[in-house]
Amino acid sequence: MTPLVLIPGMMCDARMWGGLAALLHPRAVEHVLPTEADTMQALAAHLIAKAPPCFALAGLSMGGIVAMEVLRQAPDRVERLALLDTNSRAEAPEVQANRGRQIARALSGDLAGVLREEMKPNYLFPGPDRENNLDLCMDMALALGPEIFARQSRALRDRPDQRATLATFKGPALVLMGEGDRLCPRDRHDLMHDLMPQSSLAIIAGAGHFPTLEQPARTATELLRWLDQPL
């Protein structure tokens, strides 16, 4: 059974995936946090050096962006690919321009303010579990700290466009998003689905940027279906 490598979003850890690993038992699941460098190229190289010889790869948001760079560097190692709430394009200029200010604010001691005012409230769909999920997102981010925030922000700011990378991938693929995702909206996912015509496109109702937390059962069903697809 091919092992699965999971890459969480920016300022998240393995908790972002909820109980997915338990649902996949006895399949081997490896959680890789993109924290070791401040470029996508180096983050992907770090993952490739530690990953199994052949693996399924899933990433959400920044994790999906790292996953696309892994695919670019080591296409023969990735058996199947799942991209959740992410974007294959390079960073938009207006977002790039804001990264430096956010990094400076975080490094000066106000990481919590950056997260609370500018980022986390935009991530989640309205619903009864929104506040609990926000608390978890804040806890994961503050545990990682301002230095990792700065590294990840730089990596996102300077990332390459990966549309050509996706167009070369022929294995089983899943493109999944929360229906209410405001950070990575529907057109980004339609593009990735078009670049990989063999992919499945899943839109999760009642979820925003973190369907793994907001609608874990529906998201897990789609991931399990993807993992069971024949090669």
C-alpha atoms as a PDB file:
ATOM      1  CA  MET A   1       0.000   0.000   0.000  1.00  0.00           C
ATOM      2  CA  THR A   2       1.572   3.275  -1.124  1.00  0.00           C
ATOM      3  CA  PRO A   3       2.319   5.624   1.792  1.00  0.00           C
ATOM      4  CA  LEU A   4       0.617   9.008   1.907  1.00  0.00           C
ATOM      5  CA  VAL A   5       2.523  12.227   2.582  1.00  0.00           C
ATOM      6  CA  LEU A   6       0.422  15.097   3.953  1.00  0.00           C
ATOM      7  CA  ILE A   7       1.541  18.747   3.887  1.00  0.00           C
ATOM      8  CA  PRO A   8      -0.543  21.215   5.934  1.00  0.00           C
ATOM      9  CA  GLY A   9      -1.292  24.834   5.171  1.00  0.00           C
ATOM     10  CA  MET A  10       0.627  27.909   6.281  1.00  0.00           C
ATOM     11  CA  MET A  11       1.174  28.071  10.047  1.00  0.00           C
ATOM     12  CA  CYS A  12      -0.560  24.725  10.565  1.00  0.00           C
ATOM     13  CA  ASP A  13       0.589  21.349  11.851  1.00  0.00           C
ATOM     14  CA  ALA A  14      -0.758  17.799  11.591  1.00  0.00           C
ATOM     15  CA  ARG A  15      -3.872  18.758  13.572  1.00  0.00           C
ATOM     16  CA  MET A  16      -5.147  20.525  10.457  1.00  0.00           C
ATOM     17  CA  TRP A  17      -5.882  17.100   8.939  1.00  0.00           C
ATOM     18  CA  GLY A  18      -8.148  16.114  11.835  1.00  0.00           C
ATOM     19  CA  GLY A  19      -8.661  12.366  12.174  1.00  0.00           C
ATOM     20  CA  LEU A  20      -7.720  11.550   8.593  1.00  0.00           C
ATOM     21  CA  ALA A  21      -4.673   9.455   9.493  1.00  0.00           C
ATOM     22  CA  ALA A  22      -6.759   7.232  11.782  1.00  0.00           C
ATOM     23  CA  LEU A  23      -9.311   6.681   9.008  1.00  0.00           C
ATOM     24  CA  LEU A  24      -6.551   5.562   6.654  1.00  0.00           C
ATOM     25  CA  HIS A  25      -5.063   2.924   8.971  1.00  0.00           C
ATOM     26  CA  PRO A  26      -3.156   0.703   8.165  1.00  0.00           C
ATOM     27  CA  ARG A  27      -1.875   2.895   5.311  1.00  0.00           C
ATOM     28  CA  ALA A  28       1.335   4.655   6.367  1.00  0.00           C
ATOM     29  CA  VAL A  29       0.790   8.414   6.707  1.00  0.00           C
ATOM     30  CA  GLU A  30       3.661  10.873   7.050  1.00  0.00           C
ATOM     31  CA  HIS A  31       3.103  14.476   8.104  1.00  0.00           C
ATOM     32  CA  VAL A  32       5.658  16.934   6.723  1.00  0.00           C
ATOM     33  CA  LEU A  33       5.599  20.528   7.984  1.00  0.00           C
ATOM     34  CA  PRO A  34       7.008  23.082   5.510  1.00  0.00           C
ATOM     35  CA  THR A  35       9.122  24.964   8.045  1.00  0.00           C
ATOM     36  CA  GLU A  36      12.776  24.298   7.205  1.00  0.00           C
ATOM     37  CA  ALA A  37      13.470  26.976   4.576  1.00  0.00           C
ATOM     38  CA  ASP A  38      12.170  30.168   3.013  1.00  0.00           C
ATOM     39  CA  THR A  39      11.862  29.071  -0.624  1.00  0.00           C
ATOM     40  CA  MET A  40       9.480  26.583  -2.196  1.00  0.00           C
ATOM     41  CA  GLN A  41      12.398  24.915  -3.944  1.00  0.00           C
ATOM     42  CA  ALA A  42      14.229  24.227  -0.682  1.00  0.00           C
ATOM     43  CA  LEU A  43      11.090  23.147   1.168  1.00  0.00           C
ATOM     44  CA  ALA A  44      10.315  20.618  -1.564  1.00  0.00           C
ATOM     45  CA  ALA A  45      13.891  19.337  -1.660  1.00  0.00           C
ATOM     46  CA  HIS A  46      13.779  18.799   2.108  1.00  0.00           C
ATOM     47  CA  LEU A  47      10.588  16.738   1.772  1.00  0.00           C
ATOM     48  CA  ILE A  48      11.934  14.694  -1.146  1.00  0.00           C
ATOM     49  CA  ALA A  49      15.076  13.804   0.798  1.00  0.00           C
ATOM     50  CA  LYS A  50      12.999  12.279   3.611  1.00  0.00           C
ATOM     51  CA  ALA A  51      10.054  10.839   1.667  1.00  0.00           C
ATOM     52  CA  PRO A  52       9.533   7.193   0.685  1.00  0.00           C
ATOM     53  CA  PRO A  53      10.721   6.148  -2.793  1.00  0.00           C
ATOM     54  CA  CYS A  54       7.148   6.331  -4.103  1.00  0.00           C
ATOM     55  CA  PHE A  55       4.234   8.046  -2.373  1.00  0.00           C
ATOM     56  CA  ALA A  56       0.815   9.624  -2.681  1.00  0.00           C
ATOM     57  CA  LEU A  57       0.961  13.346  -1.971  1.00  0.00           C
ATOM     58  CA  ALA A  58      -1.709  15.681  -0.606  1.00  0.00           C
ATOM     59  CA  GLY A  59      -1.355  19.312   0.384  1.00  0.00           C
ATOM     60  CA  LEU A  60      -3.728  22.043   1.476  1.00  0.00           C
ATOM     61  CA  SER A  61      -3.148  25.727   0.694  1.00  0.00           C
ATOM     62  CA  MET A  62       0.600  26.337   1.143  1.00  0.00           C
ATOM     63  CA  GLY A  63       0.934  22.568   1.470  1.00  0.00           C
ATOM     64  CA  GLY A  64      -0.519  22.199  -2.007  1.00  0.00           C
ATOM     65  CA  ILE A  65       1.957  24.740  -3.352  1.00  0.00           C
ATOM     66  CA  VAL A  66       4.835  22.781  -1.813  1.00  0.00           C
ATOM     67  CA  ALA A  67       3.343  19.592  -3.270  1.00  0.00           C
ATOM     68  CA  MET A  68       3.404  21.079  -6.769  1.00  0.00           C
ATOM     69  CA  GLU A  69       7.088  21.931  -6.374  1.00  0.00           C
ATOM     70  CA  VAL A  70       7.755  18.378  -5.143  1.00  0.00           C
ATOM     71  CA  LEU A  71       6.056  17.136  -8.306  1.00  0.00           C
ATOM     72  CA  ARG A  72       8.205  19.441 -10.428  1.00  0.00           C
ATOM     73  CA  GLN A  73      11.438  18.252  -8.813  1.00  0.00           C
ATOM     74  CA  ALA A  74      10.625  14.544  -8.483  1.00  0.00           C
ATOM     75  CA  PRO A  75       7.783  13.577 -10.841  1.00  0.00           C
ATOM     76  CA  ASP A  76       8.794   9.919 -10.838  1.00  0.00           C
ATOM     77  CA  ARG A  77       8.305   9.704  -7.050  1.00  0.00           C
ATOM     78  CA  VAL A  78       4.694  10.982  -6.888  1.00  0.00           C
ATOM     79  CA  GLU A  79       2.163   8.243  -7.618  1.00  0.00           C
ATOM     80  CA  ARG A  80      -0.960  10.338  -7.091  1.00  0.00           C
ATOM     81  CA  LEU A  81      -1.669  13.965  -6.182  1.00  0.00           C
ATOM     82  CA  ALA A  82      -4.381  15.756  -4.183  1.00  0.00           C
ATOM     83  CA  LEU A  83      -4.503  19.552  -4.129  1.00  0.00           C
ATOM     84  CA  LEU A  84      -6.837  21.146  -1.586  1.00  0.00           C
ATOM     85  CA  ASP A  85      -7.778  24.833  -1.399  1.00  0.00           C
ATOM     86  CA  THR A  86      -4.649  25.979  -3.171  1.00  0.00           C
ATOM     87  CA  ASN A  87      -3.378  27.888  -6.206  1.00  0.00           C
ATOM     88  CA  SER A  88      -1.051  26.860  -9.034  1.00  0.00           C
ATOM     89  CA  ARG A  89      -0.256  30.447 -10.028  1.00  0.00           C
ATOM     90  CA  ALA A  90       2.592  32.610  -8.714  1.00  0.00           C
ATOM     91  CA  GLU A  91       1.757  35.086  -5.961  1.00  0.00           C
ATOM     92  CA  ALA A  92      -0.368  38.024  -7.118  1.00  0.00           C
ATOM     93  CA  PRO A  93       1.540  41.349  -7.021  1.00  0.00           C
ATOM     94  CA  GLU A  94      -0.860  42.946  -4.535  1.00  0.00           C
ATOM     95  CA  VAL A  95      -0.415  40.030  -2.134  1.00  0.00           C
ATOM     96  CA  GLN A  96       3.356  40.081  -2.607  1.00  0.00           C
ATOM     97  CA  ALA A  97       3.411  43.753  -1.684  1.00  0.00           C
ATOM     98  CA  ASN A  98       1.697  43.055   1.633  1.00  0.00           C
ATOM     99  CA  ARG A  99       3.951  40.194   2.735  1.00  0.00           C
ATOM    100  CA  GLY A 100       6.852  42.383   3.861  1.00  0.00           C
ATOM    101  CA  ARG A 101       4.659  44.426   6.182  1.00  0.00           C
ATOM    102  CA  GLN A 102       3.139  41.300   7.694  1.00  0.00           C
ATOM    103  CA  ILE A 103       6.576  39.741   8.221  1.00  0.00           C
ATOM    104  CA  ALA A 104       7.893  42.869   9.928  1.00  0.00           C
ATOM    105  CA  ARG A 105       4.857  43.053  12.190  1.00  0.00           C
ATOM    106  CA  ALA A 106       5.134  39.384  13.157  1.00  0.00           C
ATOM    107  CA  LEU A 107       8.868  39.594  13.870  1.00  0.00           C
ATOM    108  CA  SER A 108       8.332  42.693  16.009  1.00  0.00           C
ATOM    109  CA  GLY A 109       6.163  40.674  18.383  1.00  0.00           C
ATOM    110  CA  ASP A 110       2.651  40.960  16.969  1.00  0.00           C
ATOM    111  CA  LEU A 111       2.188  37.637  15.176  1.00  0.00           C
ATOM    112  CA  ALA A 112      -1.114  37.162  17.000  1.00  0.00           C
ATOM    113  CA  GLY A 113      -2.375  40.501  15.692  1.00  0.00           C
ATOM    114  CA  VAL A 114      -1.462  39.666  12.098  1.00  0.00           C
ATOM    115  CA  LEU A 115      -3.220  36.326  12.341  1.00  0.00           C
ATOM    116  CA  ARG A 116      -6.282  37.594  14.180  1.00  0.00           C
ATOM    117  CA  GLU A 117      -6.882  40.729  12.103  1.00  0.00           C
ATOM    118  CA  GLU A 118      -5.648  39.885   8.610  1.00  0.00           C
ATOM    119  CA  MET A 119      -5.657  36.144   8.083  1.00  0.00           C
ATOM    120  CA  LYS A 120      -7.561  33.645  10.183  1.00  0.00           C
ATOM    121  CA  PRO A 121     -11.030  35.302  10.141  1.00  0.00           C
ATOM    122  CA  ASN A 122     -11.011  35.016   6.342  1.00  0.00           C
ATOM    123  CA  TYR A 123     -10.340  31.285   6.376  1.00  0.00           C
ATOM    124  CA  LEU A 124     -13.449  29.661   7.796  1.00  0.00           C
ATOM    125  CA  PHE A 125     -17.054  29.288   6.703  1.00  0.00           C
ATOM    126  CA  PRO A 126     -19.770  30.506   9.110  1.00  0.00           C
ATOM    127  CA  GLY A 127     -21.067  27.644  11.201  1.00  0.00           C
ATOM    128  CA  PRO A 128     -21.406  26.246  14.724  1.00  0.00           C
ATOM    129  CA  ASP A 129     -17.785  25.041  14.896  1.00  0.00           C
ATOM    130  CA  ARG A 130     -16.219  28.197  13.465  1.00  0.00           C
ATOM    131  CA  GLU A 131     -14.930  29.593  16.766  1.00  0.00           C
ATOM    132  CA  ASN A 132     -13.449  26.262  17.859  1.00  0.00           C
ATOM    133  CA  ASN A 133     -11.728  25.888  14.501  1.00  0.00           C
ATOM    134  CA  LEU A 134     -10.444  29.460  14.707  1.00  0.00           C
ATOM    135  CA  ASP A 135      -9.022  28.724  18.145  1.00  0.00           C
ATOM    136  CA  LEU A 136      -7.263  25.640  16.783  1.00  0.00           C
ATOM    137  CA  CYS A 137      -5.853  27.608  13.840  1.00  0.00           C
ATOM    138  CA  MET A 138      -4.522  30.272  16.210  1.00  0.00           C
ATOM    139  CA  ASP A 139      -3.036  27.647  18.519  1.00  0.00           C
ATOM    140  CA  MET A 140      -1.217  25.908  15.656  1.00  0.00           C
ATOM    141  CA  ALA A 141       0.118  29.195  14.313  1.00  0.00           C
ATOM    142  CA  LEU A 142       1.306  30.623  17.630  1.00  0.00           C
ATOM    143  CA  ALA A 143       3.012  27.338  18.488  1.00  0.00           C
ATOM    144  CA  LEU A 144       5.057  27.594  15.276  1.00  0.00           C
ATOM    145  CA  GLY A 145       5.970  31.219  15.949  1.00  0.00           C
ATOM    146  CA  PRO A 146       7.098  34.347  14.082  1.00  0.00           C
ATOM    147  CA  GLU A 147      10.288  32.960  12.524  1.00  0.00           C
ATOM    148  CA  ILE A 148       8.390  30.212  10.728  1.00  0.00           C
ATOM    149  CA  PHE A 149       5.735  32.749   9.733  1.00  0.00           C
ATOM    150  CA  ALA A 150       8.486  34.828   8.108  1.00  0.00           C
ATOM    151  CA  ARG A 151      10.001  31.825   6.292  1.00  0.00           C
ATOM    152  CA  GLN A 152       6.680  30.614   4.981  1.00  0.00           C
ATOM    153  CA  SER A 153       5.628  34.110   3.923  1.00  0.00           C
ATOM    154  CA  ARG A 154       8.817  34.561   1.905  1.00  0.00           C
ATOM    155  CA  ALA A 155       8.384  31.156   0.277  1.00  0.00           C
ATOM    156  CA  LEU A 156       4.827  32.004  -0.734  1.00  0.00           C
ATOM    157  CA  ARG A 157       5.790  35.478  -1.929  1.00  0.00           C
ATOM    158  CA  ASP A 158       8.540  34.226  -4.235  1.00  0.00           C
ATOM    159  CA  ARG A 159       6.980  30.972  -5.419  1.00  0.00           C
ATOM    160  CA  PRO A 160       7.054  29.961  -9.097  1.00  0.00           C
ATOM    161  CA  ASP A 161       4.033  29.410 -11.293  1.00  0.00           C
ATOM    162  CA  GLN A 162       3.287  25.668 -11.470  1.00  0.00           C
ATOM    163  CA  ARG A 163       0.726  25.442 -14.255  1.00  0.00           C
ATOM    164  CA  ALA A 164       3.182  23.732 -16.596  1.00  0.00           C
ATOM    165  CA  THR A 165       4.071  21.250 -13.847  1.00  0.00           C
ATOM    166  CA  LEU A 166       0.468  20.170 -13.391  1.00  0.00           C
ATOM    167  CA  ALA A 167      -0.061  19.805 -17.133  1.00  0.00           C
ATOM    168  CA  THR A 168       2.557  17.029 -17.201  1.00  0.00           C
ATOM    169  CA  PHE A 169       1.031  14.914 -14.416  1.00  0.00           C
ATOM    170  CA  LYS A 170      -0.959  11.883 -15.581  1.00  0.00           C
ATOM    171  CA  GLY A 171      -1.566   9.967 -12.336  1.00  0.00           C
ATOM    172  CA  PRO A 172      -4.729   9.864 -10.207  1.00  0.00           C
ATOM    173  CA  ALA A 173      -5.474  13.414  -9.080  1.00  0.00           C
ATOM    174  CA  LEU A 174      -7.974  15.200  -6.869  1.00  0.00           C
ATOM    175  CA  VAL A 175      -8.697  18.930  -6.812  1.00  0.00           C
ATOM    176  CA  LEU A 176     -10.799  19.789  -3.757  1.00  0.00           C
ATOM    177  CA  MET A 177     -12.004  23.033  -2.218  1.00  0.00           C
ATOM    178  CA  GLY A 178     -14.405  24.343   0.369  1.00  0.00           C
ATOM    179  CA  GLU A 179     -17.308  25.985  -1.439  1.00  0.00           C
ATOM    180  CA  GLY A 180     -16.869  29.190   0.582  1.00  0.00           C
ATOM    181  CA  ASP A 181     -13.079  29.500   0.230  1.00  0.00           C
ATOM    182  CA  ARG A 182     -12.331  33.216  -0.203  1.00  0.00           C
ATOM    183  CA  LEU A 183      -8.532  32.859  -0.271  1.00  0.00           C
ATOM    184  CA  CYS A 184      -8.397  30.318  -3.109  1.00  0.00           C
ATOM    185  CA  PRO A 185     -11.700  30.689  -4.976  1.00  0.00           C
ATOM    186  CA  ARG A 186     -13.347  28.414  -7.511  1.00  0.00           C
ATOM    187  CA  ASP A 187     -11.554  29.696 -10.613  1.00  0.00           C
ATOM    188  CA  ARG A 188      -8.176  28.576  -9.198  1.00  0.00           C
ATOM    189  CA  HIS A 189      -9.508  25.047  -8.796  1.00  0.00           C
ATOM    190  CA  ASP A 190     -11.208  24.952 -12.183  1.00  0.00           C
ATOM    191  CA  LEU A 191      -7.835  25.868 -13.684  1.00  0.00           C
ATOM    192  CA  MET A 192      -6.005  23.029 -11.899  1.00  0.00           C
ATOM    193  CA  HIS A 193      -8.753  20.593 -12.874  1.00  0.00           C
ATOM    194  CA  ASP A 194      -8.437  21.693 -16.523  1.00  0.00           C
ATOM    195  CA  LEU A 195      -4.656  21.278 -16.404  1.00  0.00           C
ATOM    196  CA  MET A 196      -5.140  17.690 -15.181  1.00  0.00           C
ATOM    197  CA  PRO A 197      -8.111  16.387 -17.206  1.00  0.00           C
ATOM    198  CA  GLN A 198      -7.904  13.034 -15.413  1.00  0.00           C
ATOM    199  CA  SER A 199      -8.505  14.715 -12.044  1.00  0.00           C
ATOM    200  CA  SER A 200     -11.684  14.688  -9.980  1.00  0.00           C
ATOM    201  CA  LEU A 201     -13.042  18.056  -8.838  1.00  0.00           C
ATOM    202  CA  ALA A 202     -14.748  18.090  -5.436  1.00  0.00           C
ATOM    203  CA  ILE A 203     -16.537  21.141  -4.010  1.00  0.00           C
ATOM    204  CA  ILE A 204     -17.303  20.720  -0.303  1.00  0.00           C
ATOM    205  CA  ALA A 205     -20.452  22.532   0.825  1.00  0.00           C
ATOM    206  CA  GLY A 206     -20.434  24.188   4.223  1.00  0.00           C
ATOM    207  CA  ALA A 207     -16.659  24.729   4.231  1.00  0.00           C
ATOM    208  CA  GLY A 208     -14.224  27.556   3.593  1.00  0.00           C
ATOM    209  CA  HIS A 209     -10.445  27.313   3.361  1.00  0.00           C
ATOM    210  CA  PHE A 210     -10.138  24.369   5.786  1.00  0.00           C
ATOM    211  CA  PRO A 211     -12.585  21.639   4.724  1.00  0.00           C
ATOM    212  CA  THR A 212     -10.483  19.090   6.636  1.00  0.00           C
ATOM    213  CA  LEU A 213     -11.656  20.808   9.844  1.00  0.00           C
ATOM    214  CA  GLU A 214     -15.007  22.217   8.757  1.00  0.00           C
ATOM    215  CA  GLN A 215     -16.402  19.166   6.919  1.00  0.00           C
ATOM    216  CA  PRO A 216     -14.016  16.345   7.860  1.00  0.00           C
ATOM    217  CA  ALA A 217     -16.274  13.419   6.932  1.00  0.00           C
ATOM    218  CA  ARG A 218     -17.059  14.716   3.421  1.00  0.00           C
ATOM    219  CA  THR A 219     -13.432  15.644   2.813  1.00  0.00           C
ATOM    220  CA  ALA A 220     -12.185  12.251   3.998  1.00  0.00           C
ATOM    221  CA  THR A 221     -14.664  10.505   1.687  1.00  0.00           C
ATOM    222  CA  GLU A 222     -13.184  12.325  -1.314  1.00  0.00           C
ATOM    223  CA  LEU A 223      -9.607  11.596  -0.244  1.00  0.00           C
ATOM    224  CA  LEU A 224     -10.389   7.912   0.295  1.00  0.00           C
ATOM    225  CA  ARG A 225     -11.991   7.738  -3.153  1.00  0.00           C
ATOM    226  CA  TRP A 226      -8.864   9.333  -4.653  1.00  0.00           C
ATOM    227  CA  LEU A 227      -6.555   6.888  -2.865  1.00  0.00           C
ATOM    228  CA  ASP A 228      -8.606   3.953  -4.162  1.00  0.00           C
ATOM    229  CA  GLN A 229      -8.469   5.036  -7.811  1.00  0.00           C
ATOM    230  CA  PRO A 230      -6.614   2.552  -9.994  1.00  0.00           C
ATOM    231  CA  LEU A 231      -3.350   3.645 -11.574  1.00  0.00           C
END
